[in-house]
């Protein structure tokens, strides 16, 4: 590995003079495409190696509520953007610290309708996220943990609500 790393550094340093020559051809050794050959290209090579040859994409986190068991799913679908449909909802590329004053979901202002009374499922990308009622009481005792499901390299904690309902109106934080 040390020899490989030394080879890469030598390649980049030898290409540096060419990189600064000012011609409009692609620069040898400019792995990250920034127009110069420097230590940032070494970091880009290491990142490519770490990702098994790929450039790597940012992880996107979602959460789910609906009447289909997410532990049977192989992809994040359907993704919904409204405040009343069941499905997966995008959180973003990071998982903030949620609390009663910074909720992932506010059930008092957003009510997800299922179209009929049935059991429903919730999938959360962090096992510290819980369901709370409007009084701030933890509602996880009314759920059965179904374990975890990995989708797009994110581990989701899957729960089945033990009571049939026509809508979801809990807070999540």
C-alpha atoms as a PDB file:
ATOM      1  CA  UNK A   1       0.000   0.000   0.000  1.00  0.00           C
ATOM      2  CA  UNK A   2       2.878   2.367   0.804  1.00  0.00           C
ATOM      3  CA  UNK A   3       4.366   1.752  -2.639  1.00  0.00           C
ATOM      4  CA  UNK A   4       1.018   2.443  -4.294  1.00  0.00           C
ATOM      5  CA  UNK A   5       0.605   5.667  -2.319  1.00  0.00           C
ATOM      6  CA  UNK A   6       4.186   6.744  -3.197  1.00  0.00           C
ATOM      7  CA  UNK A   7       3.459   5.979  -6.857  1.00  0.00           C
ATOM      8  CA  UNK A   8       0.316   8.136  -6.806  1.00  0.00           C
ATOM      9  CA  UNK A   9       2.120  11.029  -5.093  1.00  0.00           C
ATOM     10  CA  UNK A  10       4.972  10.794  -7.632  1.00  0.00           C
ATOM     11  CA  UNK A  11       2.510  10.743 -10.504  1.00  0.00           C
ATOM     12  CA  UNK A  12       0.693  13.804  -9.211  1.00  0.00           C
ATOM     13  CA  UNK A  13       3.861  15.768  -8.521  1.00  0.00           C
ATOM     14  CA  UNK A  14       5.326  14.974 -11.929  1.00  0.00           C
ATOM     15  CA  UNK A  15       2.099  16.062 -13.570  1.00  0.00           C
ATOM     16  CA  UNK A  16       2.070  19.334 -11.667  1.00  0.00           C
ATOM     17  CA  UNK A  17       4.295  21.167 -14.174  1.00  0.00           C
ATOM     18  CA  UNK A  18       2.026  20.028 -17.016  1.00  0.00           C
ATOM     19  CA  UNK A  19      -1.017  21.099 -15.043  1.00  0.00           C
ATOM     20  CA  UNK A  20       0.258  24.629 -14.723  1.00  0.00           C
ATOM     21  CA  UNK A  21       1.253  24.869 -18.411  1.00  0.00           C
ATOM     22  CA  UNK A  22      -1.956  26.653 -19.400  1.00  0.00           C
ATOM     23  CA  UNK A  23      -3.054  24.493 -22.336  1.00  0.00           C
ATOM     24  CA  UNK A  24      -6.733  23.539 -22.612  1.00  0.00           C
ATOM     25  CA  UNK A  25      -6.253  19.777 -22.588  1.00  0.00           C
ATOM     26  CA  UNK A  26      -7.397  17.697 -19.598  1.00  0.00           C
ATOM     27  CA  UNK A  27      -4.697  17.663 -16.964  1.00  0.00           C
ATOM     28  CA  UNK A  28      -3.007  14.365 -16.204  1.00  0.00           C
ATOM     29  CA  UNK A  29      -3.402  13.691 -12.493  1.00  0.00           C
ATOM     30  CA  UNK A  30      -6.289  16.165 -12.036  1.00  0.00           C
ATOM     31  CA  UNK A  31      -8.557  13.542 -10.493  1.00  0.00           C
ATOM     32  CA  UNK A  32     -11.070  15.943  -8.923  1.00  0.00           C
ATOM     33  CA  UNK A  33     -11.326  18.136 -12.036  1.00  0.00           C
ATOM     34  CA  UNK A  34     -10.495  21.443 -10.339  1.00  0.00           C
ATOM     35  CA  UNK A  35      -7.895  22.460 -12.949  1.00  0.00           C
ATOM     36  CA  UNK A  36      -4.824  21.879 -10.773  1.00  0.00           C
ATOM     37  CA  UNK A  37      -2.880  18.842  -9.687  1.00  0.00           C
ATOM     38  CA  UNK A  38      -2.297  19.015  -5.968  1.00  0.00           C
ATOM     39  CA  UNK A  39      -2.872  17.236  -2.669  1.00  0.00           C
ATOM     40  CA  UNK A  40      -6.662  17.490  -3.159  1.00  0.00           C
ATOM     41  CA  UNK A  41      -6.282  14.981  -5.993  1.00  0.00           C
ATOM     42  CA  UNK A  42      -4.674  12.529  -3.565  1.00  0.00           C
ATOM     43  CA  UNK A  43      -7.678  12.930  -1.278  1.00  0.00           C
ATOM     44  CA  UNK A  44      -9.978  12.280  -4.255  1.00  0.00           C
ATOM     45  CA  UNK A  45      -8.063   9.075  -5.096  1.00  0.00           C
ATOM     46  CA  UNK A  46      -8.322   7.873  -1.509  1.00  0.00           C
ATOM     47  CA  UNK A  47     -12.071   8.587  -1.537  1.00  0.00           C
ATOM     48  CA  UNK A  48     -12.480   6.611  -4.769  1.00  0.00           C
ATOM     49  CA  UNK A  49     -10.562   3.706  -3.264  1.00  0.00           C
ATOM     50  CA  UNK A  50     -12.601   3.852  -0.061  1.00  0.00           C
ATOM     51  CA  UNK A  51     -15.825   3.653  -2.067  1.00  0.00           C
ATOM     52  CA  UNK A  52     -14.695   0.606  -4.013  1.00  0.00           C
ATOM     53  CA  UNK A  53     -13.951   2.507  -7.193  1.00  0.00           C
ATOM     54  CA  UNK A  54     -16.990   4.778  -7.114  1.00  0.00           C
ATOM     55  CA  UNK A  55     -17.013   8.451  -6.314  1.00  0.00           C
ATOM     56  CA  UNK A  56     -19.583   7.996  -3.538  1.00  0.00           C
ATOM     57  CA  UNK A  57     -22.830   9.808  -3.119  1.00  0.00           C
ATOM     58  CA  UNK A  58     -24.211  11.583  -0.108  1.00  0.00           C
ATOM     59  CA  UNK A  59     -26.489   9.536   2.088  1.00  0.00           C
ATOM     60  CA  UNK A  60     -30.085  10.736   2.067  1.00  0.00           C
ATOM     61  CA  UNK A  61     -32.246   9.938   5.078  1.00  0.00           C
ATOM     62  CA  UNK A  62     -35.999   9.348   4.980  1.00  0.00           C
ATOM     63  CA  UNK A  63     -38.711   8.233   7.374  1.00  0.00           C
ATOM     64  CA  UNK A  64     -41.845   6.243   6.657  1.00  0.00           C
ATOM     65  CA  UNK A  65     -45.414   5.843   7.868  1.00  0.00           C
ATOM     66  CA  UNK A  66     -48.000   3.729   6.068  1.00  0.00           C
ATOM     67  CA  UNK A  67     -49.895   0.461   5.960  1.00  0.00           C
ATOM     68  CA  UNK A  68     -47.227  -1.460   4.016  1.00  0.00           C
ATOM     69  CA  UNK A  69     -44.532  -3.113   6.128  1.00  0.00           C
ATOM     70  CA  UNK A  70     -41.259  -1.336   5.205  1.00  0.00           C
ATOM     71  CA  UNK A  71     -39.247  -4.413   6.218  1.00  0.00           C
ATOM     72  CA  UNK A  72     -40.553  -5.997   2.994  1.00  0.00           C
ATOM     73  CA  UNK A  73     -39.457  -3.050   0.831  1.00  0.00           C
ATOM     74  CA  UNK A  74     -36.309  -2.908  -1.271  1.00  0.00           C
ATOM     75  CA  UNK A  75     -36.412   0.798  -2.154  1.00  0.00           C
ATOM     76  CA  UNK A  76     -37.572   4.151  -0.842  1.00  0.00           C
ATOM     77  CA  UNK A  77     -40.905   4.459  -2.632  1.00  0.00           C
ATOM     78  CA  UNK A  78     -43.287   6.185  -2.783  1.00  0.00           C
ATOM     79  CA  UNK A  79     -41.712   9.458  -1.688  1.00  0.00           C
ATOM     80  CA  UNK A  80     -44.400  11.953  -0.684  1.00  0.00           C
ATOM     81  CA  UNK A  81     -44.114  15.697  -0.166  1.00  0.00           C
ATOM     82  CA  UNK A  82     -47.548  16.581   1.213  1.00  0.00           C
ATOM     83  CA  UNK A  83     -48.624  16.447   4.860  1.00  0.00           C
ATOM     84  CA  UNK A  84     -51.470  13.946   4.534  1.00  0.00           C
ATOM     85  CA  UNK A  85     -50.362  10.956   2.409  1.00  0.00           C
ATOM     86  CA  UNK A  86     -48.689   7.785   3.692  1.00  0.00           C
ATOM     87  CA  UNK A  87     -45.243   6.996   2.308  1.00  0.00           C
ATOM     88  CA  UNK A  88     -41.570   7.916   2.681  1.00  0.00           C
ATOM     89  CA  UNK A  89     -40.609  11.479   3.564  1.00  0.00           C
ATOM     90  CA  UNK A  90     -37.195  12.991   2.938  1.00  0.00           C
ATOM     91  CA  UNK A  91     -35.254  14.245   5.945  1.00  0.00           C
ATOM     92  CA  UNK A  92     -32.036  15.272   4.172  1.00  0.00           C
ATOM     93  CA  UNK A  93     -28.340  14.412   4.143  1.00  0.00           C
ATOM     94  CA  UNK A  94     -27.936  14.734   7.914  1.00  0.00           C
ATOM     95  CA  UNK A  95     -29.911  13.678  10.949  1.00  0.00           C
ATOM     96  CA  UNK A  96     -30.378  16.669  13.215  1.00  0.00           C
ATOM     97  CA  UNK A  97     -30.895  16.310  16.946  1.00  0.00           C
ATOM     98  CA  UNK A  98     -34.649  16.268  17.386  1.00  0.00           C
ATOM     99  CA  UNK A  99     -36.555  17.306  20.500  1.00  0.00           C
ATOM    100  CA  UNK A 100     -40.014  18.473  21.541  1.00  0.00           C
ATOM    101  CA  UNK A 101     -39.060  21.964  20.355  1.00  0.00           C
ATOM    102  CA  UNK A 102     -37.421  20.661  17.147  1.00  0.00           C
ATOM    103  CA  UNK A 103     -39.634  17.818  15.903  1.00  0.00           C
ATOM    104  CA  UNK A 104     -39.099  15.650  12.863  1.00  0.00           C
ATOM    105  CA  UNK A 105     -42.900  15.493  12.554  1.00  0.00           C
ATOM    106  CA  UNK A 106     -45.578  17.537  14.280  1.00  0.00           C
ATOM    107  CA  UNK A 107     -48.715  15.412  14.460  1.00  0.00           C
ATOM    108  CA  UNK A 108     -50.778  18.292  15.824  1.00  0.00           C
ATOM    109  CA  UNK A 109     -50.490  20.193  12.543  1.00  0.00           C
ATOM    110  CA  UNK A 110     -49.993  17.265  10.136  1.00  0.00           C
ATOM    111  CA  UNK A 111     -52.346  14.298   9.976  1.00  0.00           C
ATOM    112  CA  UNK A 112     -51.563  11.405   7.622  1.00  0.00           C
ATOM    113  CA  UNK A 113     -54.714   9.631   6.448  1.00  0.00           C
ATOM    114  CA  UNK A 114     -54.689   5.922   5.575  1.00  0.00           C
ATOM    115  CA  UNK A 115     -58.139   5.754   3.995  1.00  0.00           C
ATOM    116  CA  UNK A 116     -59.297   3.024   6.386  1.00  0.00           C
ATOM    117  CA  UNK A 117     -58.697   1.596   9.862  1.00  0.00           C
ATOM    118  CA  UNK A 118     -55.808  -0.833   9.849  1.00  0.00           C
ATOM    119  CA  UNK A 119     -52.452  -1.496  11.461  1.00  0.00           C
ATOM    120  CA  UNK A 120     -49.702   0.809  10.263  1.00  0.00           C
ATOM    121  CA  UNK A 121     -45.939   0.856  10.237  1.00  0.00           C
ATOM    122  CA  UNK A 122     -43.287   3.433  10.983  1.00  0.00           C
ATOM    123  CA  UNK A 123     -39.635   3.300   9.855  1.00  0.00           C
ATOM    124  CA  UNK A 124     -37.139   5.716  11.396  1.00  0.00           C
ATOM    125  CA  UNK A 125     -33.444   6.157  10.505  1.00  0.00           C
ATOM    126  CA  UNK A 126     -32.363   6.463  14.127  1.00  0.00           C
ATOM    127  CA  UNK A 127     -33.353   4.330  17.105  1.00  0.00           C
ATOM    128  CA  UNK A 128     -33.462   7.352  19.382  1.00  0.00           C
ATOM    129  CA  UNK A 129     -36.419   8.801  17.420  1.00  0.00           C
ATOM    130  CA  UNK A 130     -39.721   7.981  19.118  1.00  0.00           C
ATOM    131  CA  UNK A 131     -43.458   8.592  18.745  1.00  0.00           C
ATOM    132  CA  UNK A 132     -45.030  11.001  21.237  1.00  0.00           C
ATOM    133  CA  UNK A 133     -48.603  12.066  21.816  1.00  0.00           C
ATOM    134  CA  UNK A 134     -49.659  15.705  22.105  1.00  0.00           C
ATOM    135  CA  UNK A 135     -48.982  15.640  25.874  1.00  0.00           C
ATOM    136  CA  UNK A 136     -45.367  14.567  25.300  1.00  0.00           C
ATOM    137  CA  UNK A 137     -45.935  10.978  26.451  1.00  0.00           C
ATOM    138  CA  UNK A 138     -43.828   8.314  24.735  1.00  0.00           C
ATOM    139  CA  UNK A 139     -46.114   6.098  22.613  1.00  0.00           C
ATOM    140  CA  UNK A 140     -43.555   3.403  21.765  1.00  0.00           C
ATOM    141  CA  UNK A 141     -45.151   0.933  24.222  1.00  0.00           C
ATOM    142  CA  UNK A 142     -48.037   0.782  21.731  1.00  0.00           C
ATOM    143  CA  UNK A 143     -45.668  -0.443  19.012  1.00  0.00           C
ATOM    144  CA  UNK A 144     -43.956  -3.722  18.242  1.00  0.00           C
ATOM    145  CA  UNK A 145     -40.387  -3.539  16.994  1.00  0.00           C
ATOM    146  CA  UNK A 146     -39.946  -5.508  13.782  1.00  0.00           C
ATOM    147  CA  UNK A 147     -36.166  -5.048  13.784  1.00  0.00           C
ATOM    148  CA  UNK A 148     -34.181  -3.173  11.192  1.00  0.00           C
ATOM    149  CA  UNK A 149     -34.153  -2.877   7.425  1.00  0.00           C
ATOM    150  CA  UNK A 150     -31.228  -1.499   5.408  1.00  0.00           C
ATOM    151  CA  UNK A 151     -32.223   0.461   2.323  1.00  0.00           C
ATOM    152  CA  UNK A 152     -29.670   2.554   0.365  1.00  0.00           C
ATOM    153  CA  UNK A 153     -27.047   1.904   3.074  1.00  0.00           C
ATOM    154  CA  UNK A 154     -29.246   3.411   5.816  1.00  0.00           C
ATOM    155  CA  UNK A 155     -30.498   1.279   8.698  1.00  0.00           C
ATOM    156  CA  UNK A 156     -34.175   1.898   9.401  1.00  0.00           C
ATOM    157  CA  UNK A 157     -35.829   0.848  12.664  1.00  0.00           C
ATOM    158  CA  UNK A 158     -39.223  -0.600  11.802  1.00  0.00           C
ATOM    159  CA  UNK A 159     -42.228  -0.556  14.138  1.00  0.00           C
ATOM    160  CA  UNK A 160     -45.779  -1.829  13.807  1.00  0.00           C
ATOM    161  CA  UNK A 161     -48.462   0.057  15.691  1.00  0.00           C
ATOM    162  CA  UNK A 162     -50.478  -2.373  17.847  1.00  0.00           C
ATOM    163  CA  UNK A 163     -53.777  -0.514  17.380  1.00  0.00           C
ATOM    164  CA  UNK A 164     -55.671  -0.101  14.126  1.00  0.00           C
ATOM    165  CA  UNK A 165     -56.084   3.497  13.032  1.00  0.00           C
ATOM    166  CA  UNK A 166     -57.343   5.503  10.079  1.00  0.00           C
ATOM    167  CA  UNK A 167     -54.722   8.225  10.494  1.00  0.00           C
ATOM    168  CA  UNK A 168     -51.314   9.003  11.988  1.00  0.00           C
ATOM    169  CA  UNK A 169     -51.118  12.073  14.212  1.00  0.00           C
ATOM    170  CA  UNK A 170     -48.184  11.474  16.564  1.00  0.00           C
ATOM    171  CA  UNK A 171     -45.180  13.724  17.006  1.00  0.00           C
ATOM    172  CA  UNK A 172     -41.764  12.299  16.153  1.00  0.00           C
ATOM    173  CA  UNK A 173     -38.607  13.449  17.906  1.00  0.00           C
END
